Amino acid sequence: QNIFNSKVNEKVGSWSTTTFVLGLGFLASLTMGVLFEGKR
């Protein structure tokens, strides 16, 4: 992740990288959480 983040940062900047990384993490976590835990 750190290598990928540094490569993204080279193209779009630090705050865009942070937003992109944490946004994708949010979507992935939300999807996996709903799939594996349901309403819980």
Full PDB file with SEQRES, HELIX, SHEET, SSBOND, CRYST1, ORIGX, SCALE, CONECT and MASTER records, all heavy atoms in Angstrom:
SEQRES   1 A   40  GLN ASN ILE PHE ASN SER LYS VAL ASN GLU LYS VAL GLY          
SEQRES   2 A   40  SER TRP SER THR THR THR PHE VAL LEU GLY LEU GLY PHE          
SEQRES   3 A   40  LEU ALA SER LEU THR MET GLY VAL LEU PHE GLU GLY LYS          
SEQRES   4 A   40  ARG                                                          
HELIX    1 AA1 ASN A    2  VAL A   12  1                                  11    
HELIX    2 AA2 SER A   14  GLU A   37  1                                  24    
CRYST1    1.000    1.000    1.000  90.00  90.00  90.00 P 1           1          
ORIGX1      1.000000  0.000000  0.000000        0.00000                         
ORIGX2      0.000000  1.000000  0.000000        0.00000                         
ORIGX3      0.000000  0.000000  1.000000        0.00000                         
SCALE1      1.000000  0.000000  0.000000        0.00000                         
SCALE2      0.000000  1.000000  0.000000        0.00000                         
SCALE3      0.000000  0.000000  1.000000        0.00000                         
ATOM      1  N   GLN A   1       0.829  -1.201   0.000  1.00  0.00           N  
ATOM      2  CA  GLN A   1       0.000   0.000   0.000  1.00  0.00           C  
ATOM      3  C   GLN A   1       0.864   1.253   0.000  1.00  0.00           C  
ATOM      4  O   GLN A   1       0.559   2.220  -0.698  1.00  0.00           O  
ATOM      5  CB  GLN A   1      -0.937   0.016   1.204  1.00  0.00           C  
ATOM      6  CG  GLN A   1      -1.842   1.236   1.196  1.00  0.00           C  
ATOM      7  CD  GLN A   1      -2.661   1.389   2.447  1.00  0.00           C  
ATOM      8  OE1 GLN A   1      -2.281   0.931   3.512  1.00  0.00           O  
ATOM      9  NE2 GLN A   1      -3.799   2.054   2.325  1.00  0.00           N  
ATOM     10  N   ASN A   2       1.949   1.239   0.762  1.00  0.00           N  
ATOM     11  CA  ASN A   2       2.812   2.414   0.810  1.00  0.00           C  
ATOM     12  C   ASN A   2       3.450   2.704  -0.541  1.00  0.00           C  
ATOM     13  O   ASN A   2       3.567   3.869  -0.943  1.00  0.00           O  
ATOM     14  CB  ASN A   2       3.883   2.258   1.885  1.00  0.00           C  
ATOM     15  CG  ASN A   2       3.294   2.334   3.266  1.00  0.00           C  
ATOM     16  OD1 ASN A   2       2.330   3.041   3.496  1.00  0.00           O  
ATOM     17  ND2 ASN A   2       3.862   1.599   4.185  1.00  0.00           N  
ATOM     18  N   ILE A   3       3.865   1.672  -1.249  1.00  0.00           N  
ATOM     19  CA  ILE A   3       4.435   1.863  -2.583  1.00  0.00           C  
ATOM     20  C   ILE A   3       3.367   2.411  -3.530  1.00  0.00           C  
ATOM     21  O   ILE A   3       3.600   3.384  -4.257  1.00  0.00           O  
ATOM     22  CB  ILE A   3       5.031   0.548  -3.134  1.00  0.00           C  
ATOM     23  CG1 ILE A   3       6.150   0.044  -2.232  1.00  0.00           C  
ATOM     24  CG2 ILE A   3       5.494   0.728  -4.573  1.00  0.00           C  
ATOM     25  CD1 ILE A   3       7.327   0.971  -2.073  1.00  0.00           C  
ATOM     26  N   PHE A   4       2.180   1.795  -3.510  1.00  0.00           N  
ATOM     27  CA  PHE A   4       1.101   2.279  -4.368  1.00  0.00           C  
ATOM     28  C   PHE A   4       0.751   3.729  -4.028  1.00  0.00           C  
ATOM     29  O   PHE A   4       0.574   4.562  -4.913  1.00  0.00           O  
ATOM     30  CB  PHE A   4      -0.146   1.406  -4.232  1.00  0.00           C  
ATOM     31  CG  PHE A   4      -0.013   0.033  -4.818  1.00  0.00           C  
ATOM     32  CD1 PHE A   4      -0.968  -0.931  -4.556  1.00  0.00           C  
ATOM     33  CD2 PHE A   4       1.051  -0.326  -5.632  1.00  0.00           C  
ATOM     34  CE1 PHE A   4      -0.877  -2.212  -5.094  1.00  0.00           C  
ATOM     35  CE2 PHE A   4       1.162  -1.597  -6.169  1.00  0.00           C  
ATOM     36  CZ  PHE A   4       0.190  -2.541  -5.906  1.00  0.00           C  
ATOM     37  N   ASN A   5       0.649   4.035  -2.725  1.00  0.00           N  
ATOM     38  CA  ASN A   5       0.310   5.390  -2.303  1.00  0.00           C  
ATOM     39  C   ASN A   5       1.342   6.396  -2.795  1.00  0.00           C  
ATOM     40  O   ASN A   5       0.987   7.494  -3.235  1.00  0.00           O  
ATOM     41  CB  ASN A   5       0.215   5.481  -0.775  1.00  0.00           C  
ATOM     42  CG  ASN A   5      -0.977   4.738  -0.220  1.00  0.00           C  
ATOM     43  OD1 ASN A   5      -1.806   4.224  -0.949  1.00  0.00           O  
ATOM     44  ND2 ASN A   5      -1.040   4.660   1.092  1.00  0.00           N  
ATOM     45  N   SER A   6       2.615   6.038  -2.717  1.00  0.00           N  
ATOM     46  CA  SER A   6       3.648   6.981  -3.164  1.00  0.00           C  
ATOM     47  C   SER A   6       3.568   7.205  -4.670  1.00  0.00           C  
ATOM     48  O   SER A   6       3.804   8.313  -5.152  1.00  0.00           O  
ATOM     49  CB  SER A   6       5.044   6.520  -2.753  1.00  0.00           C  
ATOM     50  OG  SER A   6       5.442   5.370  -3.440  1.00  0.00           O  
ATOM     51  N   LYS A   7       3.207   6.167  -5.420  1.00  0.00           N  
ATOM     52  CA  LYS A   7       3.058   6.326  -6.875  1.00  0.00           C  
ATOM     53  C   LYS A   7       1.846   7.188  -7.217  1.00  0.00           C  
ATOM     54  O   LYS A   7       1.897   8.025  -8.118  1.00  0.00           O  
ATOM     55  CB  LYS A   7       2.949   4.959  -7.570  1.00  0.00           C  
ATOM     56  CG  LYS A   7       4.215   4.125  -7.456  1.00  0.00           C  
ATOM     57  CD  LYS A   7       5.381   4.834  -8.080  1.00  0.00           C  
ATOM     58  CE  LYS A   7       6.641   4.016  -8.030  1.00  0.00           C  
ATOM     59  NZ  LYS A   7       7.802   4.742  -8.508  1.00  0.00           N  
ATOM     60  N   VAL A   8       0.748   6.990  -6.496  1.00  0.00           N  
ATOM     61  CA  VAL A   8      -0.433   7.828  -6.711  1.00  0.00           C  
ATOM     62  C   VAL A   8      -0.095   9.282  -6.353  1.00  0.00           C  
ATOM     63  O   VAL A   8      -0.451  10.205  -7.076  1.00  0.00           O  
ATOM     64  CB  VAL A   8      -1.638   7.329  -5.876  1.00  0.00           C  
ATOM     65  CG1 VAL A   8      -2.808   8.306  -5.933  1.00  0.00           C  
ATOM     66  CG2 VAL A   8      -2.084   5.945  -6.351  1.00  0.00           C  
ATOM     67  N   ASN A   9       0.632   9.466  -5.233  1.00  0.00           N  
ATOM     68  CA  ASN A   9       1.011  10.803  -4.790  1.00  0.00           C  
ATOM     69  C   ASN A   9       1.839  11.541  -5.838  1.00  0.00           C  
ATOM     70  O   ASN A   9       1.718  12.760  -5.992  1.00  0.00           O  
ATOM     71  CB  ASN A   9       1.775  10.714  -3.474  1.00  0.00           C  
ATOM     72  CG  ASN A   9       2.118  12.071  -2.906  1.00  0.00           C  
ATOM     73  OD1 ASN A   9       1.245  12.911  -2.720  1.00  0.00           O  
ATOM     74  ND2 ASN A   9       3.390  12.295  -2.648  1.00  0.00           N  
ATOM     75  N   GLU A  10       2.684  10.828  -6.578  1.00  0.00           N  
ATOM     76  CA  GLU A  10       3.487  11.458  -7.634  1.00  0.00           C  
ATOM     77  C   GLU A  10       2.609  12.073  -8.708  1.00  0.00           C  
ATOM     78  O   GLU A  10       2.983  13.046  -9.355  1.00  0.00           O  
ATOM     79  CB  GLU A  10       4.418  10.424  -8.277  1.00  0.00           C  
ATOM     80  CG  GLU A  10       5.545   9.961  -7.384  1.00  0.00           C  
ATOM     81  CD  GLU A  10       6.341   8.814  -8.005  1.00  0.00           C  
ATOM     82  OE1 GLU A  10       6.110   8.470  -9.192  1.00  0.00           O  
ATOM     83  OE2 GLU A  10       7.186   8.255  -7.290  1.00  0.00           O  
ATOM     84  N   LYS A  11       1.431  11.500  -8.911  1.00  0.00           N  
ATOM     85  CA  LYS A  11       0.546  11.956  -9.992  1.00  0.00           C  
ATOM     86  C   LYS A  11      -0.484  12.983  -9.539  1.00  0.00           C  
ATOM     87  O   LYS A  11      -0.835  13.878 -10.298  1.00  0.00           O  
ATOM     88  CB  LYS A  11      -0.198  10.755 -10.601  1.00  0.00           C  
ATOM     89  CG  LYS A  11       0.710   9.665 -11.123  1.00  0.00           C  
ATOM     90  CD  LYS A  11       1.505  10.117 -12.302  1.00  0.00           C  
ATOM     91  CE  LYS A  11       2.340   8.959 -12.828  1.00  0.00           C  
ATOM     92  NZ  LYS A  11       3.325   9.370 -13.794  1.00  0.00           N  
ATOM     93  N   VAL A  12      -1.010  12.836  -8.298  1.00  0.00           N  
ATOM     94  CA  VAL A  12      -2.163  13.666  -7.930  1.00  0.00           C  
ATOM     95  C   VAL A  12      -1.984  14.484  -6.661  1.00  0.00           C  
ATOM     96  O   VAL A  12      -2.811  15.332  -6.377  1.00  0.00           O  
ATOM     97  CB  VAL A  12      -3.450  12.815  -7.795  1.00  0.00           C  
ATOM     98  CG1 VAL A  12      -3.802  12.153  -9.105  1.00  0.00           C  
ATOM     99  CG2 VAL A  12      -3.342  11.802  -6.671  1.00  0.00           C  
ATOM    100  N   GLY A  13      -0.962  14.267  -5.868  1.00  0.00           N  
ATOM    101  CA  GLY A  13      -0.756  15.029  -4.641  1.00  0.00           C  
ATOM    102  C   GLY A  13      -1.204  14.283  -3.402  1.00  0.00           C  
ATOM    103  O   GLY A  13      -1.941  13.296  -3.461  1.00  0.00           O  
ATOM    104  N   SER A  14      -0.773  14.794  -2.268  1.00  0.00           N  
ATOM    105  CA  SER A  14      -0.951  14.113  -0.988  1.00  0.00           C  
ATOM    106  C   SER A  14      -2.406  13.979  -0.550  1.00  0.00           C  
ATOM    107  O   SER A  14      -2.843  12.904  -0.159  1.00  0.00           O  
ATOM    108  CB  SER A  14      -0.149  14.841   0.088  1.00  0.00           C  
ATOM    109  OG  SER A  14      -0.297  14.206   1.323  1.00  0.00           O  
ATOM    110  N   TRP A  15      -3.156  15.060  -0.591  1.00  0.00           N  
ATOM    111  CA  TRP A  15      -4.524  14.990  -0.086  1.00  0.00           C  
ATOM    112  C   TRP A  15      -5.433  14.203  -1.027  1.00  0.00           C  
ATOM    113  O   TRP A  15      -6.341  13.499  -0.563  1.00  0.00           O  
ATOM    114  CB  TRP A  15      -5.067  16.385   0.199  1.00  0.00           C  
ATOM    115  CG  TRP A  15      -4.377  16.948   1.404  1.00  0.00           C  
ATOM    116  CD1 TRP A  15      -3.498  17.985   1.421  1.00  0.00           C  
ATOM    117  CD2 TRP A  15      -4.436  16.452   2.745  1.00  0.00           C  
ATOM    118  NE1 TRP A  15      -3.020  18.171   2.698  1.00  0.00           N  
ATOM    119  CE2 TRP A  15      -3.577  17.247   3.538  1.00  0.00           C  
ATOM    120  CE3 TRP A  15      -5.120  15.416   3.361  1.00  0.00           C  
ATOM    121  CZ2 TRP A  15      -3.401  17.040   4.901  1.00  0.00           C  
ATOM    122  CZ3 TRP A  15      -4.947  15.204   4.724  1.00  0.00           C  
ATOM    123  CH2 TRP A  15      -4.095  16.012   5.469  1.00  0.00           C  
ATOM    124  N   SER A  16      -5.191  14.292  -2.314  1.00  0.00           N  
ATOM    125  CA  SER A  16      -5.959  13.459  -3.249  1.00  0.00           C  
ATOM    126  C   SER A  16      -5.640  11.988  -3.005  1.00  0.00           C  
ATOM    127  O   SER A  16      -6.536  11.141  -3.045  1.00  0.00           O  
ATOM    128  CB  SER A  16      -5.626  13.831  -4.699  1.00  0.00           C  
ATOM    129  OG  SER A  16      -6.023  15.136  -4.980  1.00  0.00           O  
ATOM    130  N   THR A  17      -4.368  11.681  -2.763  1.00  0.00           N  
ATOM    131  CA  THR A  17      -3.976  10.306  -2.479  1.00  0.00           C  
ATOM    132  C   THR A  17      -4.664   9.807  -1.218  1.00  0.00           C  
ATOM    133  O   THR A  17      -5.225   8.707  -1.191  1.00  0.00           O  
ATOM    134  CB  THR A  17      -2.443  10.199  -2.303  1.00  0.00           C  
ATOM    135  OG1 THR A  17      -1.817  10.611  -3.516  1.00  0.00           O  
ATOM    136  CG2 THR A  17      -2.020   8.788  -1.958  1.00  0.00           C  
ATOM    137  N   THR A  18      -4.641  10.599  -0.165  1.00  0.00           N  
ATOM    138  CA  THR A  18      -5.262  10.212   1.101  1.00  0.00           C  
ATOM    139  C   THR A  18      -6.754   9.969   0.909  1.00  0.00           C  
ATOM    140  O   THR A  18      -7.304   8.972   1.386  1.00  0.00           O  
ATOM    141  CB  THR A  18      -5.015  11.286   2.176  1.00  0.00           C  
ATOM    142  OG1 THR A  18      -3.602  11.458   2.326  1.00  0.00           O  
ATOM    143  CG2 THR A  18      -5.620  10.894   3.503  1.00  0.00           C  
ATOM    144  N   THR A  19      -7.416  10.869   0.199  1.00  0.00           N  
ATOM    145  CA  THR A  19      -8.850  10.735  -0.059  1.00  0.00           C  
ATOM    146  C   THR A  19      -9.136   9.476  -0.876  1.00  0.00           C  
ATOM    147  O   THR A  19     -10.050   8.706  -0.558  1.00  0.00           O  
ATOM    148  CB  THR A  19      -9.379  11.975  -0.801  1.00  0.00           C  
ATOM    149  OG1 THR A  19      -9.086  13.129  -0.019  1.00  0.00           O  
ATOM    150  CG2 THR A  19     -10.865  11.880  -1.060  1.00  0.00           C  
ATOM    151  N   PHE A  20      -8.355   9.275  -1.924  1.00  0.00           N  
ATOM    152  CA  PHE A  20      -8.522   8.109  -2.799  1.00  0.00           C  
ATOM    153  C   PHE A  20      -8.333   6.806  -2.011  1.00  0.00           C  
ATOM    154  O   PHE A  20      -9.169   5.908  -2.057  1.00  0.00           O  
ATOM    155  CB  PHE A  20      -7.516   8.204  -3.945  1.00  0.00           C  
ATOM    156  CG  PHE A  20      -7.539   7.061  -4.904  1.00  0.00           C  
ATOM    157  CD1 PHE A  20      -8.581   6.892  -5.795  1.00  0.00           C  
ATOM    158  CD2 PHE A  20      -6.504   6.141  -4.914  1.00  0.00           C  
ATOM    159  CE1 PHE A  20      -8.598   5.834  -6.685  1.00  0.00           C  
ATOM    160  CE2 PHE A  20      -6.507   5.075  -5.796  1.00  0.00           C  
ATOM    161  CZ  PHE A  20      -7.558   4.915  -6.681  1.00  0.00           C  
ATOM    162  N   VAL A  21      -7.249   6.715  -1.253  1.00  0.00           N  
ATOM    163  CA  VAL A  21      -6.924   5.495  -0.509  1.00  0.00           C  
ATOM    164  C   VAL A  21      -7.986   5.194   0.547  1.00  0.00           C  
ATOM    165  O   VAL A  21      -8.491   4.082   0.639  1.00  0.00           O  
ATOM    166  CB  VAL A  21      -5.526   5.631   0.154  1.00  0.00           C  
ATOM    167  CG1 VAL A  21      -5.286   4.550   1.180  1.00  0.00           C  
ATOM    168  CG2 VAL A  21      -4.443   5.610  -0.906  1.00  0.00           C  
ATOM    169  N   LEU A  22      -8.315   6.201   1.346  1.00  0.00           N  
ATOM    170  CA  LEU A  22      -9.285   5.963   2.412  1.00  0.00           C  
ATOM    171  C   LEU A  22     -10.698   5.802   1.857  1.00  0.00           C  
ATOM    172  O   LEU A  22     -11.504   5.051   2.418  1.00  0.00           O  
ATOM    173  CB  LEU A  22      -9.215   7.077   3.448  1.00  0.00           C  
ATOM    174  CG  LEU A  22      -7.893   7.127   4.227  1.00  0.00           C  
ATOM    175  CD1 LEU A  22      -7.868   8.311   5.177  1.00  0.00           C  
ATOM    176  CD2 LEU A  22      -7.631   5.836   4.974  1.00  0.00           C  
ATOM    177  N   GLY A  23     -11.012   6.472   0.750  1.00  0.00           N  
ATOM    178  CA  GLY A  23     -12.322   6.291   0.118  1.00  0.00           C  
ATOM    179  C   GLY A  23     -12.504   4.879  -0.416  1.00  0.00           C  
ATOM    180  O   GLY A  23     -13.542   4.247  -0.200  1.00  0.00           O  
ATOM    181  N   LEU A  24     -11.479   4.375  -1.114  1.00  0.00           N  
ATOM    182  CA  LEU A  24     -11.560   2.992  -1.600  1.00  0.00           C  
ATOM    183  C   LEU A  24     -11.593   2.006  -0.435  1.00  0.00           C  
ATOM    184  O   LEU A  24     -12.314   0.996  -0.477  1.00  0.00           O  
ATOM    185  CB  LEU A  24     -10.380   2.670  -2.511  1.00  0.00           C  
ATOM    186  CG  LEU A  24     -10.433   3.242  -3.912  1.00  0.00           C  
ATOM    187  CD1 LEU A  24      -9.143   2.918  -4.673  1.00  0.00           C  
ATOM    188  CD2 LEU A  24     -11.637   2.705  -4.663  1.00  0.00           C  
ATOM    189  N   GLY A  25     -10.827   2.305   0.623  1.00  0.00           N  
ATOM    190  CA  GLY A  25     -10.859   1.465   1.816  1.00  0.00           C  
ATOM    191  C   GLY A  25     -12.237   1.439   2.447  1.00  0.00           C  
ATOM    192  O   GLY A  25     -12.721   0.388   2.880  1.00  0.00           O  
ATOM    193  N   PHE A  26     -12.887   2.600   2.486  1.00  0.00           N  
ATOM    194  CA  PHE A  26     -14.251   2.679   3.023  1.00  0.00           C  
ATOM    195  C   PHE A  26     -15.201   1.808   2.207  1.00  0.00           C  
ATOM    196  O   PHE A  26     -15.969   1.021   2.761  1.00  0.00           O  
ATOM    197  CB  PHE A  26     -14.738   4.126   3.041  1.00  0.00           C  
ATOM    198  CG  PHE A  26     -16.214   4.254   3.320  1.00  0.00           C  
ATOM    199  CD1 PHE A  26     -16.699   4.095   4.602  1.00  0.00           C  
ATOM    200  CD2 PHE A  26     -17.104   4.503   2.283  1.00  0.00           C  
ATOM    201  CE1 PHE A  26     -18.065   4.195   4.854  1.00  0.00           C  
ATOM    202  CE2 PHE A  26     -18.458   4.600   2.526  1.00  0.00           C  
ATOM    203  CZ  PHE A  26     -18.949   4.444   3.814  1.00  0.00           C  
ATOM    204  N   LEU A  27     -15.144   1.953   0.882  1.00  0.00           N  
ATOM    205  CA  LEU A  27     -16.043   1.170   0.027  1.00  0.00           C  
ATOM    206  C   LEU A  27     -15.788  -0.329   0.162  1.00  0.00           C  
ATOM    207  O   LEU A  27     -16.730  -1.125   0.244  1.00  0.00           O  
ATOM    208  CB  LEU A  27     -15.901   1.607  -1.434  1.00  0.00           C  
ATOM    209  CG  LEU A  27     -16.409   3.000  -1.766  1.00  0.00           C  
ATOM    210  CD1 LEU A  27     -16.088   3.356  -3.216  1.00  0.00           C  
ATOM    211  CD2 LEU A  27     -17.904   3.104  -1.505  1.00  0.00           C  
ATOM    212  N   ALA A  28     -14.523  -0.720   0.208  1.00  0.00           N  
ATOM    213  CA  ALA A  28     -14.187  -2.137   0.356  1.00  0.00           C  
ATOM    214  C   ALA A  28     -14.641  -2.659   1.715  1.00  0.00           C  
ATOM    215  O   ALA A  28     -15.221  -3.752   1.812  1.00  0.00           O  
ATOM    216  CB  ALA A  28     -12.684  -2.345   0.172  1.00  0.00           C  
ATOM    217  N   SER A  29     -14.387  -1.890   2.778  1.00  0.00           N  
ATOM    218  CA  SER A  29     -14.796  -2.314   4.120  1.00  0.00           C  
ATOM    219  C   SER A  29     -16.308  -2.406   4.234  1.00  0.00           C  
ATOM    220  O   SER A  29     -16.834  -3.353   4.836  1.00  0.00           O  
ATOM    221  CB  SER A  29     -14.278  -1.327   5.165  1.00  0.00           C  
ATOM    222  OG  SER A  29     -12.892  -1.312   5.190  1.00  0.00           O  
ATOM    223  N   LEU A  30     -17.005  -1.435   3.682  1.00  0.00           N  
ATOM    224  CA  LEU A  30     -18.467  -1.445   3.722  1.00  0.00           C  
ATOM    225  C   LEU A  30     -19.016  -2.669   2.997  1.00  0.00           C  
ATOM    226  O   LEU A  30     -19.870  -3.389   3.517  1.00  0.00           O  
ATOM    227  CB  LEU A  30     -19.017  -0.157   3.097  1.00  0.00           C  
ATOM    228  CG  LEU A  30     -20.535  -0.023   3.048  1.00  0.00           C  
ATOM    229  CD1 LEU A  30     -21.118   0.040   4.452  1.00  0.00           C  
ATOM    230  CD2 LEU A  30     -20.927   1.222   2.251  1.00  0.00           C  
ATOM    231  N   THR A  31     -18.495  -2.922   1.819  1.00  0.00           N  
ATOM    232  CA  THR A  31     -18.949  -4.077   1.033  1.00  0.00           C  
ATOM    233  C   THR A  31     -18.680  -5.387   1.772  1.00  0.00           C  
ATOM    234  O   THR A  31     -19.574  -6.226   1.905  1.00  0.00           O  
ATOM    235  CB  THR A  31     -18.246  -4.093  -0.344  1.00  0.00           C  
ATOM    236  OG1 THR A  31     -18.528  -2.869  -1.015  1.00  0.00           O  
ATOM    237  CG2 THR A  31     -18.709  -5.272  -1.182  1.00  0.00           C  
ATOM    238  N   MET A  32     -17.459  -5.572   2.258  1.00  0.00           N  
ATOM    239  CA  MET A  32     -17.104  -6.819   2.953  1.00  0.00           C  
ATOM    240  C   MET A  32     -17.882  -6.951   4.262  1.00  0.00           C  
ATOM    241  O   MET A  32     -18.323  -8.047   4.617  1.00  0.00           O  
ATOM    242  CB  MET A  32     -15.598  -6.873   3.226  1.00  0.00           C  
ATOM    243  CG  MET A  32     -14.742  -6.847   1.971  1.00  0.00           C  
ATOM    244  SD  MET A  32     -15.109  -8.166   0.827  1.00  0.00           S  
ATOM    245  CE  MET A  32     -14.171  -9.465   1.564  1.00  0.00           C  
ATOM    246  N   GLY A  33     -18.055  -5.845   4.975  1.00  0.00           N  
ATOM    247  CA  GLY A  33     -18.809  -5.883   6.223  1.00  0.00           C  
ATOM    248  C   GLY A  33     -20.248  -6.315   6.013  1.00  0.00           C  
ATOM    249  O   GLY A  33     -20.777  -7.156   6.747  1.00  0.00           O  
ATOM    250  N   VAL A  34     -20.893  -5.752   5.009  1.00  0.00           N  
ATOM    251  CA  VAL A  34     -22.278  -6.110   4.720  1.00  0.00           C  
ATOM    252  C   VAL A  34     -22.358  -7.565   4.260  1.00  0.00           C  
ATOM    253  O   VAL A  34     -23.248  -8.311   4.675  1.00  0.00           O  
ATOM    254  CB  VAL A  34     -22.894  -5.145   3.680  1.00  0.00           C  
ATOM    255  CG1 VAL A  34     -24.226  -5.650   3.176  1.00  0.00           C  
ATOM    256  CG2 VAL A  34     -23.024  -3.750   4.278  1.00  0.00           C  
ATOM    257  N   LEU A  35     -21.415  -7.981   3.409  1.00  0.00           N  
ATOM    258  CA  LEU A  35     -21.435  -9.362   2.916  1.00  0.00           C  
ATOM    259  C   LEU A  35     -21.222 -10.385   4.035  1.00  0.00           C  
ATOM    260  O   LEU A  35     -21.907 -11.399   4.091  1.00  0.00           O  
ATOM    261  CB  LEU A  35     -20.362  -9.563   1.842  1.00  0.00           C  
ATOM    262  CG  LEU A  35     -20.651  -8.981   0.472  1.00  0.00           C  
ATOM    263  CD1 LEU A  35     -19.431  -9.134  -0.441  1.00  0.00           C  
ATOM    264  CD2 LEU A  35     -21.854  -9.661  -0.162  1.00  0.00           C  
ATOM    265  N   PHE A  36     -20.272 -10.128   4.914  1.00  0.00           N  
ATOM    266  CA  PHE A  36     -19.910 -11.118   5.923  1.00  0.00           C  
ATOM    267  C   PHE A  36     -20.673 -10.981   7.233  1.00  0.00           C  
ATOM    268  O   PHE A  36     -20.833 -11.969   7.952  1.00  0.00           O  
ATOM    269  CB  PHE A  36     -18.399 -11.081   6.202  1.00  0.00           C  
ATOM    270  CG  PHE A  36     -17.585 -11.637   5.084  1.00  0.00           C  
ATOM    271  CD1 PHE A  36     -16.867 -10.799   4.252  1.00  0.00           C  
ATOM    272  CD2 PHE A  36     -17.541 -13.006   4.841  1.00  0.00           C  
ATOM    273  CE1 PHE A  36     -16.115 -11.309   3.205  1.00  0.00           C  
ATOM    274  CE2 PHE A  36     -16.804 -13.528   3.800  1.00  0.00           C  
ATOM    275  CZ  PHE A  36     -16.084 -12.676   2.969  1.00  0.00           C  
ATOM    276  N   GLU A  37     -21.142  -9.769   7.573  1.00  0.00           N  
ATOM    277  CA  GLU A  37     -21.806  -9.583   8.861  1.00  0.00           C  
ATOM    278  C   GLU A  37     -23.278  -9.214   8.735  1.00  0.00           C  
ATOM    279  O   GLU A  37     -23.995  -9.254   9.730  1.00  0.00           O  
ATOM    280  CB  GLU A  37     -21.069  -8.511   9.667  1.00  0.00           C  
ATOM    281  CG  GLU A  37     -19.659  -8.922  10.037  1.00  0.00           C  
ATOM    282  CD  GLU A  37     -18.936  -7.870  10.856  1.00  0.00           C  
ATOM    283  OE1 GLU A  37     -19.594  -6.938  11.380  1.00  0.00           O  
ATOM    284  OE2 GLU A  37     -17.718  -7.975  10.979  1.00  0.00           O  
ATOM    285  N   GLY A  38     -23.711  -8.840   7.552  1.00  0.00           N  
ATOM    286  CA  GLY A  38     -25.114  -8.484   7.369  1.00  0.00           C  
ATOM    287  C   GLY A  38     -25.515  -7.300   8.219  1.00  0.00           C  
ATOM    288  O   GLY A  38     -24.769  -6.333   8.369  1.00  0.00           O  
ATOM    289  N   LYS A  39     -26.698  -7.393   8.857  1.00  0.00           N  
ATOM    290  CA  LYS A  39     -27.213  -6.283   9.670  1.00  0.00           C  
ATOM    291  C   LYS A  39     -26.350  -6.025  10.904  1.00  0.00           C  
ATOM    292  O   LYS A  39     -26.331  -4.913  11.416  1.00  0.00           O  
ATOM    293  CB  LYS A  39     -28.650  -6.570  10.091  1.00  0.00           C  
ATOM    294  CG  LYS A  39     -29.631  -6.512   8.949  1.00  0.00           C  
ATOM    295  CD  LYS A  39     -31.036  -6.785   9.419  1.00  0.00           C  
ATOM    296  CE  LYS A  39     -31.993  -6.764   8.242  1.00  0.00           C  
ATOM    297  NZ  LYS A  39     -33.364  -7.062   8.639  1.00  0.00           N  
ATOM    298  N   ARG A  40     -25.662  -7.028  11.402  1.00  0.00           N  
ATOM    299  CA  ARG A  40     -24.790  -6.846  12.577  1.00  0.00           C  
ATOM    300  C   ARG A  40     -23.719  -5.788  12.321  1.00  0.00           C  
ATOM    301  O   ARG A  40     -23.230  -5.166  13.249  1.00  0.00           O  
ATOM    302  CB  ARG A  40     -24.072  -8.154  12.937  1.00  0.00           C  
ATOM    303  CG  ARG A  40     -24.880  -9.171  13.626  1.00  0.00           C  
ATOM    304  CD  ARG A  40     -24.003 -10.319  14.032  1.00  0.00           C  
ATOM    305  NE  ARG A  40     -22.818 -10.373  13.175  1.00  0.00           N  
ATOM    306  CZ  ARG A  40     -21.982 -11.361  13.089  1.00  0.00           C  
ATOM    307  NH1 ARG A  40     -22.157 -12.420  13.810  1.00  0.00           N  
ATOM    308  NH2 ARG A  40     -20.936 -11.332  12.293  1.00  0.00           N  
TER     309      ARG A  40                                                      
MASTER        0    0    0    2    0    0    0    6  308    1    0    4          
END                                                                             
